[in-house]
Amino acid sequence: MENLSFFTTWQPTLGGAWIPAVAMVLVQFICMALFKEGGRRAVDTSWYDAKTKKYAQWNSIFQVVVILLAIFIPFKFGTPWFTAGAIVYVVAFVLFMWSFYSYGTADRDKLITKGIYKYSRNPMYAVFTLAMVGIIIAAASLWLLLAMIPYCWAMHGVILGEERYCEQTYGDAYREYKKQVPRYFLFF
């Protein structure tokens, strides 16, 4: 039954949840290097207001906490938890790469509405979170689940700031896009 424990023993693990979590971060850096213009746009925070800047700082801190915590979280290999989580992660990983491709190949000064952005206004955030949910399931870890809650809170704050910026920058075109495309996916 120890294999089904939802908590960790606080022993670092070489083959644990940190590997796919770090892979998600590496994809971000690789895509920003491949799509240099999109990469510059992605890291441009010059438009952040004070509130968005605080959310972004918290978001970064919580993301690091989640990845550091994942060092101590082993996967539940050979269980339905692992299988289900691995499937969710692989789907999210593919969607994450599609998100960066759609973002990286878009015109810098235009509202991005093509590719995966037809289905989500914030696909990079949404599928990163979905990938982490897959990791949480594969590891059957309540610790990771609990650590993701403040991450999601801070991420949502950044997204709200981005939406304000997009409304100011793109005006009616963005407001119409908001009516047609959900913030995350489906009806969220």
C-alpha atoms as a PDB file:
ATOM      1  CA  MET A   1       0.000   0.000   0.000  1.00  0.00           C
ATOM      2  CA  GLU A   2       2.958   2.360   0.376  1.00  0.00           C
ATOM      3  CA  ASN A   3       3.003   2.661  -3.418  1.00  0.00           C
ATOM      4  CA  LEU A   4      -0.448   4.270  -3.240  1.00  0.00           C
ATOM      5  CA  SER A   5       0.444   6.844  -0.598  1.00  0.00           C
ATOM      6  CA  PHE A   6      -0.738  10.298  -1.664  1.00  0.00           C
ATOM      7  CA  PHE A   7       2.088  11.995   0.219  1.00  0.00           C
ATOM      8  CA  THR A   8       5.838  11.874  -0.176  1.00  0.00           C
ATOM      9  CA  THR A   9       8.595  10.477   1.986  1.00  0.00           C
ATOM     10  CA  TRP A  10      10.682  13.621   1.339  1.00  0.00           C
ATOM     11  CA  GLN A  11      13.374  11.494  -0.276  1.00  0.00           C
ATOM     12  CA  PRO A  12      14.713  12.946  -3.543  1.00  0.00           C
ATOM     13  CA  THR A  13      13.932  10.719  -6.504  1.00  0.00           C
ATOM     14  CA  LEU A  14      15.797  10.440  -9.781  1.00  0.00           C
ATOM     15  CA  GLY A  15      12.816   9.141 -11.741  1.00  0.00           C
ATOM     16  CA  GLY A  16      10.093  11.302 -10.364  1.00  0.00           C
ATOM     17  CA  ALA A  17       7.660  14.065 -11.138  1.00  0.00           C
ATOM     18  CA  TRP A  18      10.351  16.691 -11.609  1.00  0.00           C
ATOM     19  CA  ILE A  19      11.392  15.272 -15.004  1.00  0.00           C
ATOM     20  CA  PRO A  20       8.204  16.086 -16.954  1.00  0.00           C
ATOM     21  CA  ALA A  21       7.773  19.333 -14.980  1.00  0.00           C
ATOM     22  CA  VAL A  22      11.236  20.500 -16.030  1.00  0.00           C
ATOM     23  CA  ALA A  23      10.504  19.311 -19.581  1.00  0.00           C
ATOM     24  CA  MET A  24       7.590  21.748 -19.740  1.00  0.00           C
ATOM     25  CA  VAL A  25       9.859  24.621 -18.721  1.00  0.00           C
ATOM     26  CA  LEU A  26      12.529  23.548 -21.227  1.00  0.00           C
ATOM     27  CA  VAL A  27       9.945  23.557 -24.025  1.00  0.00           C
ATOM     28  CA  GLN A  28       9.240  27.190 -23.179  1.00  0.00           C
ATOM     29  CA  PHE A  29      12.917  28.152 -23.496  1.00  0.00           C
ATOM     30  CA  ILE A  30      13.473  26.103 -26.646  1.00  0.00           C
ATOM     31  CA  CYS A  31      10.428  27.591 -28.352  1.00  0.00           C
ATOM     32  CA  MET A  32      11.444  31.108 -27.367  1.00  0.00           C
ATOM     33  CA  ALA A  33      14.870  30.439 -28.904  1.00  0.00           C
ATOM     34  CA  LEU A  34      13.375  28.983 -32.098  1.00  0.00           C
ATOM     35  CA  PHE A  35      10.786  31.736 -32.511  1.00  0.00           C
ATOM     36  CA  LYS A  36      12.884  34.717 -31.505  1.00  0.00           C
ATOM     37  CA  GLU A  37      10.262  37.376 -32.250  1.00  0.00           C
ATOM     38  CA  GLY A  38       7.584  35.441 -30.378  1.00  0.00           C
ATOM     39  CA  GLY A  39      10.057  34.843 -27.557  1.00  0.00           C
ATOM     40  CA  ARG A  40      10.713  38.560 -27.216  1.00  0.00           C
ATOM     41  CA  ARG A  41       6.972  39.221 -27.191  1.00  0.00           C
ATOM     42  CA  ALA A  42       6.432  36.485 -24.571  1.00  0.00           C
ATOM     43  CA  VAL A  43       8.925  37.983 -22.120  1.00  0.00           C
ATOM     44  CA  ASP A  44       7.948  41.617 -22.702  1.00  0.00           C
ATOM     45  CA  THR A  45       6.505  42.755 -19.393  1.00  0.00           C
ATOM     46  CA  SER A  46       6.859  46.483 -20.052  1.00  0.00           C
ATOM     47  CA  TRP A  47       3.075  46.818 -20.094  1.00  0.00           C
ATOM     48  CA  TYR A  48       2.563  45.199 -16.656  1.00  0.00           C
ATOM     49  CA  ASP A  49       0.755  47.358 -14.148  1.00  0.00           C
ATOM     50  CA  ALA A  50       1.706  47.004 -10.459  1.00  0.00           C
ATOM     51  CA  LYS A  51      -0.991  44.401  -9.769  1.00  0.00           C
ATOM     52  CA  THR A  52      -0.055  42.210 -12.747  1.00  0.00           C
ATOM     53  CA  LYS A  53       3.615  42.490 -11.831  1.00  0.00           C
ATOM     54  CA  LYS A  54       2.898  41.152  -8.325  1.00  0.00           C
ATOM     55  CA  TYR A  55       0.850  38.271  -9.709  1.00  0.00           C
ATOM     56  CA  ALA A  56       3.664  37.479 -12.154  1.00  0.00           C
ATOM     57  CA  GLN A  57       6.233  37.437  -9.349  1.00  0.00           C
ATOM     58  CA  TRP A  58       4.058  35.128  -7.250  1.00  0.00           C
ATOM     59  CA  ASN A  59       3.393  32.967 -10.284  1.00  0.00           C
ATOM     60  CA  SER A  60       7.135  32.517 -10.859  1.00  0.00           C
ATOM     61  CA  ILE A  61       7.764  31.749  -7.187  1.00  0.00           C
ATOM     62  CA  PHE A  62       4.980  29.164  -7.051  1.00  0.00           C
ATOM     63  CA  GLN A  63       6.160  27.563 -10.303  1.00  0.00           C
ATOM     64  CA  VAL A  64       9.643  27.120  -8.823  1.00  0.00           C
ATOM     65  CA  VAL A  65       8.134  25.728  -5.601  1.00  0.00           C
ATOM     66  CA  VAL A  66       6.105  23.180  -7.582  1.00  0.00           C
ATOM     67  CA  ILE A  67       9.158  22.049  -9.544  1.00  0.00           C
ATOM     68  CA  LEU A  68      11.334  21.840  -6.424  1.00  0.00           C
ATOM     69  CA  LEU A  69       8.628  19.880  -4.630  1.00  0.00           C
ATOM     70  CA  ALA A  70       8.430  17.523  -7.613  1.00  0.00           C
ATOM     71  CA  ILE A  71      12.010  16.414  -6.864  1.00  0.00           C
ATOM     72  CA  PHE A  72      10.590  14.555  -3.867  1.00  0.00           C
ATOM     73  CA  ILE A  73       7.549  13.083  -5.617  1.00  0.00           C
ATOM     74  CA  PRO A  74       7.942   9.617  -7.153  1.00  0.00           C
ATOM     75  CA  PHE A  75       5.609   8.376  -9.845  1.00  0.00           C
ATOM     76  CA  LYS A  76       3.192   5.558  -9.089  1.00  0.00           C
ATOM     77  CA  PHE A  77       4.534   3.293 -11.849  1.00  0.00           C
ATOM     78  CA  GLY A  78       2.389   0.264 -12.606  1.00  0.00           C
ATOM     79  CA  THR A  79      -0.816   1.807 -11.253  1.00  0.00           C
ATOM     80  CA  PRO A  80      -3.886   3.215 -12.990  1.00  0.00           C
ATOM     81  CA  TRP A  81      -2.857   6.585 -11.513  1.00  0.00           C
ATOM     82  CA  PHE A  82       0.343   6.573 -13.547  1.00  0.00           C
ATOM     83  CA  THR A  83      -1.353   5.453 -16.748  1.00  0.00           C
ATOM     84  CA  ALA A  84      -4.110   8.061 -16.533  1.00  0.00           C
ATOM     85  CA  GLY A  85      -1.674  10.814 -15.595  1.00  0.00           C
ATOM     86  CA  ALA A  86       0.745   9.902 -18.378  1.00  0.00           C
ATOM     87  CA  ILE A  87      -2.052  10.111 -20.952  1.00  0.00           C
ATOM     88  CA  VAL A  88      -3.144  13.537 -19.667  1.00  0.00           C
ATOM     89  CA  TYR A  89       0.477  14.733 -19.667  1.00  0.00           C
ATOM     90  CA  VAL A  90       1.216  13.572 -23.218  1.00  0.00           C
ATOM     91  CA  VAL A  91      -1.922  15.258 -24.563  1.00  0.00           C
ATOM     92  CA  ALA A  92      -1.032  18.445 -22.685  1.00  0.00           C
ATOM     93  CA  PHE A  93       2.582  18.310 -23.888  1.00  0.00           C
ATOM     94  CA  VAL A  94       1.468  18.162 -27.530  1.00  0.00           C
ATOM     95  CA  LEU A  95      -0.996  21.013 -26.956  1.00  0.00           C
ATOM     96  CA  PHE A  96       1.761  22.997 -25.209  1.00  0.00           C
ATOM     97  CA  MET A  97       4.013  22.699 -28.248  1.00  0.00           C
ATOM     98  CA  TRP A  98       1.117  23.696 -30.508  1.00  0.00           C
ATOM     99  CA  SER A  99       0.530  26.720 -28.265  1.00  0.00           C
ATOM    100  CA  PHE A 100       4.091  27.902 -28.668  1.00  0.00           C
ATOM    101  CA  TYR A 101       4.057  27.258 -32.394  1.00  0.00           C
ATOM    102  CA  SER A 102       0.831  29.268 -32.787  1.00  0.00           C
ATOM    103  CA  TYR A 103       2.252  32.064 -30.632  1.00  0.00           C
ATOM    104  CA  GLY A 104       5.733  32.017 -32.129  1.00  0.00           C
ATOM    105  CA  THR A 105       4.606  32.168 -35.746  1.00  0.00           C
ATOM    106  CA  ALA A 106       1.982  34.896 -35.242  1.00  0.00           C
ATOM    107  CA  ASP A 107       2.479  38.500 -36.341  1.00  0.00           C
ATOM    108  CA  ARG A 108       3.975  40.503 -33.501  1.00  0.00           C
ATOM    109  CA  ASP A 109       1.571  43.430 -33.644  1.00  0.00           C
ATOM    110  CA  LYS A 110      -1.651  41.514 -34.282  1.00  0.00           C
ATOM    111  CA  LEU A 111      -4.106  39.756 -32.027  1.00  0.00           C
ATOM    112  CA  ILE A 112      -3.379  36.024 -32.099  1.00  0.00           C
ATOM    113  CA  THR A 113      -6.518  34.133 -33.071  1.00  0.00           C
ATOM    114  CA  LYS A 114      -5.170  31.279 -35.208  1.00  0.00           C
ATOM    115  CA  GLY A 115      -4.046  27.773 -34.358  1.00  0.00           C
ATOM    116  CA  ILE A 116      -4.858  26.720 -30.815  1.00  0.00           C
ATOM    117  CA  TYR A 117      -5.851  30.317 -30.065  1.00  0.00           C
ATOM    118  CA  LYS A 118      -9.135  29.563 -31.865  1.00  0.00           C
ATOM    119  CA  TYR A 119     -10.019  27.383 -28.865  1.00  0.00           C
ATOM    120  CA  SER A 120      -8.400  29.176 -25.937  1.00  0.00           C
ATOM    121  CA  ARG A 121      -7.324  32.742 -25.276  1.00  0.00           C
ATOM    122  CA  ASN A 122      -4.603  31.464 -22.941  1.00  0.00           C
ATOM    123  CA  PRO A 123      -3.539  28.044 -24.195  1.00  0.00           C
ATOM    124  CA  MET A 124       0.025  28.173 -22.877  1.00  0.00           C
ATOM    125  CA  TYR A 125      -1.168  28.729 -19.325  1.00  0.00           C
ATOM    126  CA  ALA A 126      -4.064  26.292 -19.635  1.00  0.00           C
ATOM    127  CA  VAL A 127      -2.084  23.385 -21.043  1.00  0.00           C
ATOM    128  CA  PHE A 128       0.874  23.937 -18.710  1.00  0.00           C
ATOM    129  CA  THR A 129      -1.622  23.546 -15.882  1.00  0.00           C
ATOM    130  CA  LEU A 130      -3.174  20.502 -17.582  1.00  0.00           C
ATOM    131  CA  ALA A 131       0.286  18.942 -17.903  1.00  0.00           C
ATOM    132  CA  MET A 132       0.897  19.523 -14.213  1.00  0.00           C
ATOM    133  CA  VAL A 133      -2.467  17.895 -13.467  1.00  0.00           C
ATOM    134  CA  GLY A 134      -1.256  14.897 -15.458  1.00  0.00           C
ATOM    135  CA  ILE A 135       1.911  14.808 -13.347  1.00  0.00           C
ATOM    136  CA  ILE A 136      -0.151  15.095 -10.168  1.00  0.00           C
ATOM    137  CA  ILE A 137      -2.310  12.162 -11.254  1.00  0.00           C
ATOM    138  CA  ALA A 138       0.679  10.036 -12.365  1.00  0.00           C
ATOM    139  CA  ALA A 139       2.321  10.646  -8.998  1.00  0.00           C
ATOM    140  CA  ALA A 140      -0.970  10.523  -7.047  1.00  0.00           C
ATOM    141  CA  SER A 141       0.425  13.411  -5.030  1.00  0.00           C
ATOM    142  CA  LEU A 142      -1.678  15.553  -2.755  1.00  0.00           C
ATOM    143  CA  TRP A 143       1.393  17.693  -2.053  1.00  0.00           C
ATOM    144  CA  LEU A 144       1.707  18.655  -5.712  1.00  0.00           C
ATOM    145  CA  LEU A 145      -2.014  19.265  -5.920  1.00  0.00           C
ATOM    146  CA  LEU A 146      -1.864  21.582  -2.914  1.00  0.00           C
ATOM    147  CA  ALA A 147       1.183  23.386  -4.354  1.00  0.00           C
ATOM    148  CA  MET A 148      -0.614  23.968  -7.644  1.00  0.00           C
ATOM    149  CA  ILE A 149      -3.482  25.873  -6.003  1.00  0.00           C
ATOM    150  CA  PRO A 150      -1.508  29.064  -5.284  1.00  0.00           C
ATOM    151  CA  TYR A 151       0.240  28.711  -8.650  1.00  0.00           C
ATOM    152  CA  CYS A 152      -3.156  28.688 -10.406  1.00  0.00           C
ATOM    153  CA  TRP A 153      -4.330  31.665  -8.325  1.00  0.00           C
ATOM    154  CA  ALA A 154      -1.290  33.732  -9.344  1.00  0.00           C
ATOM    155  CA  MET A 155      -1.495  32.569 -12.959  1.00  0.00           C
ATOM    156  CA  HIS A 156      -5.134  33.659 -13.141  1.00  0.00           C
ATOM    157  CA  GLY A 157      -4.113  37.092 -11.839  1.00  0.00           C
ATOM    158  CA  VAL A 158      -1.536  37.419 -14.628  1.00  0.00           C
ATOM    159  CA  ILE A 159      -4.131  36.376 -17.189  1.00  0.00           C
ATOM    160  CA  LEU A 160      -6.578  39.017 -15.969  1.00  0.00           C
ATOM    161  CA  GLY A 161      -3.823  41.621 -16.381  1.00  0.00           C
ATOM    162  CA  GLU A 162      -3.078  40.371 -19.879  1.00  0.00           C
ATOM    163  CA  GLU A 163      -6.749  40.618 -20.752  1.00  0.00           C
ATOM    164  CA  ARG A 164      -6.847  44.250 -19.616  1.00  0.00           C
ATOM    165  CA  TYR A 165      -3.759  44.950 -21.734  1.00  0.00           C
ATOM    166  CA  CYS A 166      -5.252  43.197 -24.784  1.00  0.00           C
ATOM    167  CA  GLU A 167      -8.476  45.201 -24.458  1.00  0.00           C
ATOM    168  CA  GLN A 168      -6.484  48.450 -24.348  1.00  0.00           C
ATOM    169  CA  THR A 169      -4.259  47.391 -27.242  1.00  0.00           C
ATOM    170  CA  TYR A 170      -6.720  45.654 -29.593  1.00  0.00           C
ATOM    171  CA  GLY A 171     -10.014  47.256 -28.505  1.00  0.00           C
ATOM    172  CA  ASP A 172     -13.186  45.919 -30.093  1.00  0.00           C
ATOM    173  CA  ALA A 173     -11.349  43.134 -31.929  1.00  0.00           C
ATOM    174  CA  TYR A 174     -10.271  41.671 -28.577  1.00  0.00           C
ATOM    175  CA  ARG A 175     -13.670  42.170 -26.978  1.00  0.00           C
ATOM    176  CA  GLU A 176     -15.255  40.240 -29.872  1.00  0.00           C
ATOM    177  CA  TYR A 177     -12.578  37.542 -29.560  1.00  0.00           C
ATOM    178  CA  LYS A 178     -13.386  37.292 -25.819  1.00  0.00           C
ATOM    179  CA  LYS A 179     -17.038  36.671 -26.636  1.00  0.00           C
ATOM    180  CA  GLN A 180     -16.190  33.840 -29.037  1.00  0.00           C
ATOM    181  CA  VAL A 181     -13.239  32.085 -27.374  1.00  0.00           C
ATOM    182  CA  PRO A 182     -13.076  30.900 -23.756  1.00  0.00           C
ATOM    183  CA  ARG A 183     -10.350  32.078 -21.416  1.00  0.00           C
ATOM    184  CA  TYR A 184      -9.036  28.552 -20.940  1.00  0.00           C
ATOM    185  CA  PHE A 185     -10.847  25.777 -22.819  1.00  0.00           C
ATOM    186  CA  LEU A 186     -14.423  24.669 -23.394  1.00  0.00           C
ATOM    187  CA  PHE A 187     -16.570  26.920 -21.204  1.00  0.00           C
ATOM    188  CA  PHE A 188     -13.885  28.144 -18.779  1.00  0.00           C
END
